[in-house]
PDB file of N, CA and C in Angstrom:
ATOM      1  N   MET A   1      20.058 -14.480 -28.327  1.00  0.00           N
ATOM      2  CA  MET A   1      19.794 -14.951 -27.058  1.00  0.00           C
ATOM      3  C   MET A   1      20.110 -13.366 -26.365  1.00  0.00           C
ATOM      4  N   LYS A   2      20.807 -12.463 -26.834  1.00  0.00           N
ATOM      5  CA  LYS A   2      21.006 -11.415 -26.008  1.00  0.00           C
ATOM      6  C   LYS A   2      18.905 -10.746 -26.225  1.00  0.00           C
ATOM      7  N   ILE A   3      18.682 -10.697 -27.613  1.00  0.00           N
ATOM      8  CA  ILE A   3      17.181 -10.110 -27.389  1.00  0.00           C
ATOM      9  C   ILE A   3      16.099 -10.881 -26.482  1.00  0.00           C
ATOM     10  N   ARG A   4      16.426 -12.073 -26.442  1.00  0.00           N
ATOM     11  CA  ARG A   4      15.645 -12.604 -25.476  1.00  0.00           C
ATOM     12  C   ARG A   4      16.266 -12.637 -24.192  1.00  0.00           C
ATOM     13  N   VAL A   5      17.067 -11.920 -23.601  1.00  0.00           N
ATOM     14  CA  VAL A   5      17.416 -11.723 -22.386  1.00  0.00           C
ATOM     15  C   VAL A   5      16.866  -9.943 -22.085  1.00  0.00           C
ATOM     16  N   ILE A   6      17.279  -9.291 -23.407  1.00  0.00           N
ATOM     17  CA  ILE A   6      16.017  -7.966 -23.148  1.00  0.00           C
ATOM     18  C   ILE A   6      14.931  -8.084 -22.970  1.00  0.00           C
ATOM     19  N   LEU A   7      14.037  -8.664 -23.630  1.00  0.00           N
ATOM     20  CA  LEU A   7      13.014  -8.821 -23.362  1.00  0.00           C
ATOM     21  C   LEU A   7      12.478  -9.103 -22.640  1.00  0.00           C
ATOM     22  N   VAL A   8      13.215 -10.548 -21.847  1.00  0.00           N
ATOM     23  CA  VAL A   8      12.908 -10.929 -20.545  1.00  0.00           C
ATOM     24  C   VAL A   8      12.509  -9.703 -19.535  1.00  0.00           C
ATOM     25  N   LEU A   9      13.939  -9.053 -19.353  1.00  0.00           N
ATOM     26  CA  LEU A   9      14.339  -8.209 -18.530  1.00  0.00           C
ATOM     27  C   LEU A   9      13.213  -6.686 -19.009  1.00  0.00           C
ATOM     28  N   GLY A  10      12.446  -6.568 -19.932  1.00  0.00           N
ATOM     29  CA  GLY A  10      11.745  -5.392 -20.627  1.00  0.00           C
ATOM     30  C   GLY A  10      10.769  -5.789 -19.870  1.00  0.00           C
ATOM     31  N   LEU A  11       9.990  -6.933 -19.970  1.00  0.00           N
ATOM     32  CA  LEU A  11       8.822  -7.276 -19.326  1.00  0.00           C
ATOM     33  C   LEU A  11       8.780  -7.570 -17.906  1.00  0.00           C
ATOM     34  N   THR A  12       9.585  -7.896 -17.418  1.00  0.00           N
ATOM     35  CA  THR A  12       9.484  -7.792 -15.795  1.00  0.00           C
ATOM     36  C   THR A  12       9.893  -6.354 -15.122  1.00  0.00           C
ATOM     37  N   ALA A  13      10.326  -5.399 -15.626  1.00  0.00           N
ATOM     38  CA  ALA A  13      10.006  -3.782 -15.602  1.00  0.00           C
ATOM     39  C   ALA A  13       8.888  -3.873 -15.435  1.00  0.00           C
ATOM     40  N   VAL A  14       8.378  -3.724 -17.332  1.00  0.00           N
ATOM     41  CA  VAL A  14       7.099  -3.355 -16.721  1.00  0.00           C
ATOM     42  C   VAL A  14       5.943  -4.129 -15.809  1.00  0.00           C
ATOM     43  N   ALA A  15       6.018  -5.036 -15.605  1.00  0.00           N
ATOM     44  CA  ALA A  15       5.214  -6.109 -14.896  1.00  0.00           C
ATOM     45  C   ALA A  15       5.676  -5.327 -13.377  1.00  0.00           C
ATOM     46  N   ALA A  16       6.689  -4.911 -13.104  1.00  0.00           N
ATOM     47  CA  ALA A  16       6.875  -4.588 -11.640  1.00  0.00           C
ATOM     48  C   ALA A  16       6.255  -2.975 -11.521  1.00  0.00           C
ATOM     49  N   VAL A  17       6.431  -2.400 -12.450  1.00  0.00           N
ATOM     50  CA  VAL A  17       6.017  -0.708 -12.475  1.00  0.00           C
ATOM     51  C   VAL A  17       4.037  -0.798 -12.582  1.00  0.00           C
ATOM     52  N   PHE A  18       3.660  -1.637 -13.468  1.00  0.00           N
ATOM     53  CA  PHE A  18       1.856  -1.397 -12.963  1.00  0.00           C
ATOM     54  C   PHE A  18       1.710  -2.220 -11.803  1.00  0.00           C
ATOM     55  N   SER A  19       2.392  -3.745 -11.975  1.00  0.00           N
ATOM     56  CA  SER A  19       2.456  -4.124 -10.249  1.00  0.00           C
ATOM     57  C   SER A  19       1.745  -3.748  -9.259  1.00  0.00           C
ATOM     58  N   GLY A  20       2.099  -2.939  -8.606  1.00  0.00           N
ATOM     59  CA  GLY A  20       1.470  -1.687  -7.584  1.00  0.00           C
ATOM     60  C   GLY A  20       0.924  -0.863  -8.069  1.00  0.00           C
ATOM     61  N   CYS A  21       0.225  -0.333  -9.205  1.00  0.00           N
ATOM     62  CA  CYS A  21      -0.385   0.666  -9.365  1.00  0.00           C
ATOM     63  C   CYS A  21      -1.670   0.288  -8.681  1.00  0.00           C
ATOM     64  N   ALA A  22      -2.919   1.677  -8.443  1.00  0.00           N
ATOM     65  CA  ALA A  22      -3.815   1.387  -8.008  1.00  0.00           C
ATOM     66  C   ALA A  22      -4.911   2.442  -8.382  1.00  0.00           C
ATOM     67  N   ASN A  23      -5.518   2.867  -9.002  1.00  0.00           N
ATOM     68  CA  ASN A  23      -6.805   3.982  -9.106  1.00  0.00           C
ATOM     69  C   ASN A  23      -7.055   4.656  -7.806  1.00  0.00           C
ATOM     70  N   PRO A  24      -7.087   6.131  -8.081  1.00  0.00           N
ATOM     71  CA  PRO A  24      -7.405   6.309  -6.142  1.00  0.00           C
ATOM     72  C   PRO A  24      -8.591   7.162  -6.460  1.00  0.00           C
ATOM     73  N   ASN A  25      -9.544   6.808  -7.625  1.00  0.00           N
ATOM     74  CA  ASN A  25     -10.742   6.930  -7.524  1.00  0.00           C
ATOM     75  C   ASN A  25     -11.513   5.810  -7.106  1.00  0.00           C
ATOM     76  N   LEU A  26     -11.036   4.502  -7.377  1.00  0.00           N
ATOM     77  CA  LEU A  26     -11.515   3.280  -6.963  1.00  0.00           C
ATOM     78  C   LEU A  26     -11.423   3.268  -4.875  1.00  0.00           C
ATOM     79  N   VAL A  27     -10.830   3.840  -4.359  1.00  0.00           N
ATOM     80  CA  VAL A  27     -10.387   3.852  -2.861  1.00  0.00           C
ATOM     81  C   VAL A  27     -10.885   4.854  -2.548  1.00  0.00           C
ATOM     82  N   ARG A  28     -11.493   5.437  -2.963  1.00  0.00           N
ATOM     83  CA  ARG A  28     -12.538   6.448  -2.001  1.00  0.00           C
ATOM     84  C   ARG A  28     -14.120   6.462  -1.974  1.00  0.00           C
ATOM     85  N   VAL A  29     -14.427   6.634  -0.898  1.00  0.00           N
ATOM     86  CA  VAL A  29     -15.297   5.711  -0.339  1.00  0.00           C
ATOM     87  C   VAL A  29     -16.368   7.431  -0.600  1.00  0.00           C
ATOM     88  N   LYS A  30     -17.441   7.299  -1.265  1.00  0.00           N
ATOM     89  CA  LYS A  30     -18.678   8.014  -2.511  1.00  0.00           C
ATOM     90  C   LYS A  30     -19.425   8.334  -1.180  1.00  0.00           C
ATOM     91  N   PRO A  31     -20.016   9.495  -1.652  1.00  0.00           N
ATOM     92  CA  PRO A  31     -20.948  10.421  -0.365  1.00  0.00           C
ATOM     93  C   PRO A  31     -21.497   9.092   0.123  1.00  0.00           C
ATOM     94  N   TRP A  32     -22.313   8.334  -0.880  1.00  0.00           N
ATOM     95  CA  TRP A  32     -23.964   7.621  -0.756  1.00  0.00           C
ATOM     96  C   TRP A  32     -23.640   6.137  -0.379  1.00  0.00           C
ATOM     97  N   GLU A  33     -22.118   5.899   0.017  1.00  0.00           N
ATOM     98  CA  GLU A  33     -21.632   4.722   0.325  1.00  0.00           C
ATOM     99  C   GLU A  33     -21.215   5.050   1.435  1.00  0.00           C
ATOM    100  N   ARG A  34     -21.147   6.013   2.877  1.00  0.00           N
ATOM    101  CA  ARG A  34     -21.050   6.018   3.714  1.00  0.00           C
ATOM    102  C   ARG A  34     -21.995   5.662   4.771  1.00  0.00           C
ATOM    103  N   ALA A  35     -23.027   5.841   3.836  1.00  0.00           N
ATOM    104  CA  ALA A  35     -24.441   5.501   5.635  1.00  0.00           C
ATOM    105  C   ALA A  35     -24.309   4.060   5.672  1.00  0.00           C
ATOM    106  N   THR A  36     -24.155   2.987   4.523  1.00  0.00           N
ATOM    107  CA  THR A  36     -23.062   1.632   4.664  1.00  0.00           C
ATOM    108  C   THR A  36     -22.724   1.440   5.421  1.00  0.00           C
ATOM    109  N   LEU A  37     -20.780   1.745   5.228  1.00  0.00           N
ATOM    110  CA  LEU A  37     -20.079   1.812   6.244  1.00  0.00           C
ATOM    111  C   LEU A  37     -20.219   2.168   7.098  1.00  0.00           C
ATOM    112  N   ALA A  38     -21.026   3.260   7.627  1.00  0.00           N
ATOM    113  CA  ALA A  38     -21.461   3.643   9.253  1.00  0.00           C
ATOM    114  C   ALA A  38     -22.443   2.742  10.013  1.00  0.00           C
ATOM    115  N   GLY A  39     -22.979   1.709   9.474  1.00  0.00           N
ATOM    116  CA  GLY A  39     -23.833   0.857   9.650  1.00  0.00           C
ATOM    117  C   GLY A  39     -23.358   0.262  11.050  1.00  0.00           C
ATOM    118  N   TYR A  40     -24.671  -0.545  11.622  1.00  0.00           N
ATOM    119  CA  TYR A  40     -24.278  -0.984  12.874  1.00  0.00           C
ATOM    120  C   TYR A  40     -23.368  -2.352  12.800  1.00  0.00           C
ATOM    121  N   SER A  41     -24.231  -2.930  12.082  1.00  0.00           N
ATOM    122  CA  SER A  41     -23.337  -4.261  10.849  1.00  0.00           C
ATOM    123  C   SER A  41     -21.651  -4.031  10.592  1.00  0.00           C
ATOM    124  N   MET A  42     -21.069  -2.947  10.806  1.00  0.00           N
ATOM    125  CA  MET A  42     -19.648  -2.386  10.560  1.00  0.00           C
ATOM    126  C   MET A  42     -19.093  -2.523  11.593  1.00  0.00           C
ATOM    127  N   ARG A  43     -19.278  -1.929  12.955  1.00  0.00           N
ATOM    128  CA  ARG A  43     -19.010  -1.597  14.095  1.00  0.00           C
ATOM    129  C   ARG A  43     -18.000  -2.959  14.478  1.00  0.00           C
ATOM    130  N   ALA A  44     -16.964  -2.523  15.333  1.00  0.00           N
ATOM    131  CA  ALA A  44     -16.256  -4.003  15.076  1.00  0.00           C
ATOM    132  C   ALA A  44     -16.693  -4.212  17.229  1.00  0.00           C
ATOM    133  N   ASP A  45     -17.459  -3.706  17.988  1.00  0.00           N
ATOM    134  CA  ASP A  45     -17.798  -3.749  18.613  1.00  0.00           C
ATOM    135  C   ASP A  45     -18.997  -3.820  19.007  1.00  0.00           C
ATOM    136  N   ARG A  46     -19.534  -4.465  17.660  1.00  0.00           N
ATOM    137  CA  ARG A  46     -21.447  -4.810  17.833  1.00  0.00           C
ATOM    138  C   ARG A  46     -21.563  -6.004  18.736  1.00  0.00           C
ATOM    139  N   ASP A  47     -20.570  -6.323  19.256  1.00  0.00           N
ATOM    140  CA  ASP A  47     -21.136  -7.798  20.325  1.00  0.00           C
ATOM    141  C   ASP A  47     -20.307  -7.579  21.408  1.00  0.00           C
ATOM    142  N   SER A  48     -21.062  -7.355  22.538  1.00  0.00           N
ATOM    143  CA  SER A  48     -20.577  -7.103  23.437  1.00  0.00           C
ATOM    144  C   SER A  48     -19.144  -8.460  24.550  1.00  0.00           C
ATOM    145  N   LEU A  49     -19.780  -9.502  23.748  1.00  0.00           N
ATOM    146  CA  LEU A  49     -19.017 -10.524  24.974  1.00  0.00           C
ATOM    147  C   LEU A  49     -18.204 -11.155  23.545  1.00  0.00           C
ATOM    148  N   HIS A  50     -18.188 -10.413  22.704  1.00  0.00           N
ATOM    149  CA  HIS A  50     -16.715 -10.975  21.305  1.00  0.00           C
ATOM    150  C   HIS A  50     -15.851  -9.723  22.235  1.00  0.00           C
ATOM    151  N   THR A  51     -15.810  -8.996  22.149  1.00  0.00           N
ATOM    152  CA  THR A  51     -15.601  -7.561  22.939  1.00  0.00           C
ATOM    153  C   THR A  51     -14.501  -8.082  24.081  1.00  0.00           C
ATOM    154  N   ALA A  52     -15.378  -8.774  25.002  1.00  0.00           N
ATOM    155  CA  ALA A  52     -14.992  -9.105  26.083  1.00  0.00           C
ATOM    156  C   ALA A  52     -13.657  -9.781  26.720  1.00  0.00           C
ATOM    157  N   MET A  53     -14.367 -11.326  24.965  1.00  0.00           N
ATOM    158  CA  MET A  53     -13.240 -12.211  25.446  1.00  0.00           C
ATOM    159  C   MET A  53     -11.833 -11.693  24.389  1.00  0.00           C
ATOM    160  N   SER A  54     -12.373 -10.887  23.769  1.00  0.00           N
ATOM    161  CA  SER A  54     -10.685 -10.381  23.072  1.00  0.00           C
ATOM    162  C   SER A  54     -10.319  -9.527  23.850  1.00  0.00           C
ATOM    163  N   GLU A  55     -10.512  -8.633  24.801  1.00  0.00           N
ATOM    164  CA  GLU A  55      -9.948  -7.832  25.928  1.00  0.00           C
ATOM    165  C   GLU A  55      -9.563  -8.960  26.818  1.00  0.00           C
ATOM    166  N   HIS A  56     -10.365 -10.345  26.613  1.00  0.00           N
ATOM    167  CA  HIS A  56      -9.383 -11.164  27.979  1.00  0.00           C
ATOM    168  C   HIS A  56      -7.980 -11.668  27.096  1.00  0.00           C
ATOM    169  N   THR A  57      -8.501 -11.697  25.558  1.00  0.00           N
ATOM    170  CA  THR A  57      -7.033 -12.275  25.044  1.00  0.00           C
ATOM    171  C   THR A  57      -6.081 -11.243  25.206  1.00  0.00           C
ATOM    172  N   PHE A  58      -6.150 -10.415  24.658  1.00  0.00           N
ATOM    173  CA  PHE A  58      -5.293  -8.812  25.159  1.00  0.00           C
ATOM    174  C   PHE A  58      -4.398  -9.230  25.948  1.00  0.00           C
ATOM    175  N   PHE A  59      -5.442  -8.736  27.166  1.00  0.00           N
ATOM    176  CA  PHE A  59      -5.173  -8.790  28.603  1.00  0.00           C
ATOM    177  C   PHE A  59      -3.713  -9.696  28.545  1.00  0.00           C
ATOM    178  N   SER A  60      -4.185 -11.388  28.186  1.00  0.00           N
ATOM    179  CA  SER A  60      -3.598 -12.555  29.288  1.00  0.00           C
ATOM    180  C   SER A  60      -2.200 -12.445  28.313  1.00  0.00           C
ATOM    181  N   ARG A  61      -1.984 -12.097  26.565  1.00  0.00           N
ATOM    182  CA  ARG A  61      -1.343 -12.080  26.104  1.00  0.00           C
ATOM    183  C   ARG A  61       0.202 -11.407  26.608  1.00  0.00           C
ATOM    184  N   GLU A  62      -0.809  -9.872  26.347  1.00  0.00           N
ATOM    185  CA  GLU A  62       0.595  -8.899  26.053  1.00  0.00           C
ATOM    186  C   GLU A  62       0.330  -8.268  27.830  1.00  0.00           C
ATOM    187  N   THR A  63      -0.228  -8.524  28.826  1.00  0.00           N
ATOM    188  CA  THR A  63       0.083  -7.658  29.751  1.00  0.00           C
ATOM    189  C   THR A  63      -0.487  -6.176  29.437  1.00  0.00           C
ATOM    190  N   ALA A  64      -1.565  -6.187  29.102  1.00  0.00           N
ATOM    191  CA  ALA A  64      -1.872  -4.861  28.741  1.00  0.00           C
ATOM    192  C   ALA A  64      -3.554  -4.750  28.802  1.00  0.00           C
ATOM    193  N   ALA A  65      -4.174  -3.462  28.911  1.00  0.00           N
ATOM    194  CA  ALA A  65      -5.420  -3.563  29.261  1.00  0.00           C
ATOM    195  C   ALA A  65      -6.082  -2.518  28.251  1.00  0.00           C
ATOM    196  N   GLY A  66      -7.072  -2.059  27.304  1.00  0.00           N
ATOM    197  CA  GLY A  66      -7.490  -1.029  26.627  1.00  0.00           C
ATOM    198  C   GLY A  66      -6.521  -1.190  25.435  1.00  0.00           C
ATOM    199  N   GLY A  67      -6.941   0.128  24.795  1.00  0.00           N
ATOM    200  CA  GLY A  67      -5.953   0.621  23.994  1.00  0.00           C
ATOM    201  C   GLY A  67      -6.164  -0.720  22.528  1.00  0.00           C
ATOM    202  N   ARG A  68      -7.523  -0.695  22.264  1.00  0.00           N
ATOM    203  CA  ARG A  68      -7.933  -0.978  20.896  1.00  0.00           C
ATOM    204  C   ARG A  68      -7.446  -0.749  20.005  1.00  0.00           C
ATOM    205  N   GLY A  69      -7.989   0.473  19.998  1.00  0.00           N
ATOM    206  CA  GLY A  69      -7.461   1.465  18.916  1.00  0.00           C
ATOM    207  C   GLY A  69      -6.563   0.873  18.495  1.00  0.00           C
ATOM    208  N   VAL A  70      -5.207   1.250  18.949  1.00  0.00           N
ATOM    209  CA  VAL A  70      -3.878   1.097  18.351  1.00  0.00           C
ATOM    210  C   VAL A  70      -3.546  -0.243  18.295  1.00  0.00           C
ATOM    211  N   GLY A  71      -2.673  -0.246  16.371  1.00  0.00           N
ATOM    212  CA  GLY A  71      -2.518  -2.005  15.853  1.00  0.00           C
ATOM    213  C   GLY A  71      -0.867  -1.658  16.598  1.00  0.00           C
ATOM    214  N   GLY A  72      -0.503  -2.990  16.558  1.00  0.00           N
ATOM    215  CA  GLY A  72       1.249  -3.419  16.844  1.00  0.00           C
ATOM    216  C   GLY A  72       0.855  -4.241  18.211  1.00  0.00           C
ATOM    217  N   SER A  73       2.047  -4.723  18.377  1.00  0.00           N
ATOM    218  CA  SER A  73       2.208  -5.497  19.363  1.00  0.00           C
ATOM    219  C   SER A  73       3.905  -5.156  20.340  1.00  0.00           C
ATOM    220  N   GLY A  74       3.307  -5.756  21.402  1.00  0.00           N
ATOM    221  CA  GLY A  74       5.020  -5.641  22.029  1.00  0.00           C
ATOM    222  C   GLY A  74       5.126  -5.205  23.579  1.00  0.00           C
ATOM    223  N   CYS A  75       6.118  -4.689  24.138  1.00  0.00           N
ATOM    224  CA  CYS A  75       6.027  -3.329  25.446  1.00  0.00           C
ATOM    225  C   CYS A  75       5.564  -2.470  25.551  1.00  0.00           C
ATOM    226  N   GLY A  76       5.615  -1.566  23.943  1.00  0.00           N
ATOM    227  CA  GLY A  76       4.850  -0.427  24.357  1.00  0.00           C
ATOM    228  C   GLY A  76       6.107   0.322  25.279  1.00  0.00           C
ATOM    229  N   CYS A  77       7.108   0.225  25.050  1.00  0.00           N
ATOM    230  CA  CYS A  77       7.771   1.132  25.480  1.00  0.00           C
ATOM    231  C   CYS A  77       8.763   2.438  24.654  1.00  0.00           C
ATOM    232  N   ASN A  78       7.612   2.758  23.814  1.00  0.00           N
ATOM    233  CA  ASN A  78       8.109   3.918  22.712  1.00  0.00           C
ATOM    234  C   ASN A  78       8.629   4.750  23.418  1.00  0.00           C
TER     235      ASN A  78
END
């Protein structure tokens, strides 16, 4: 029984250690991939009607205009 508990705790510890690992080489954007990510289809403001509708929604919900580049919500009294 004691060996089983130690085995389960050991496997849990190993799973916890390896679950959050990421290879930094896979996350970086390679120089030849930058043209794809800078393309027109990747722009958030490529559809002017959708942008206007989103601005209206944000204004209606938060009583604020502009500042779409900042994440989060609330009163903004930081």
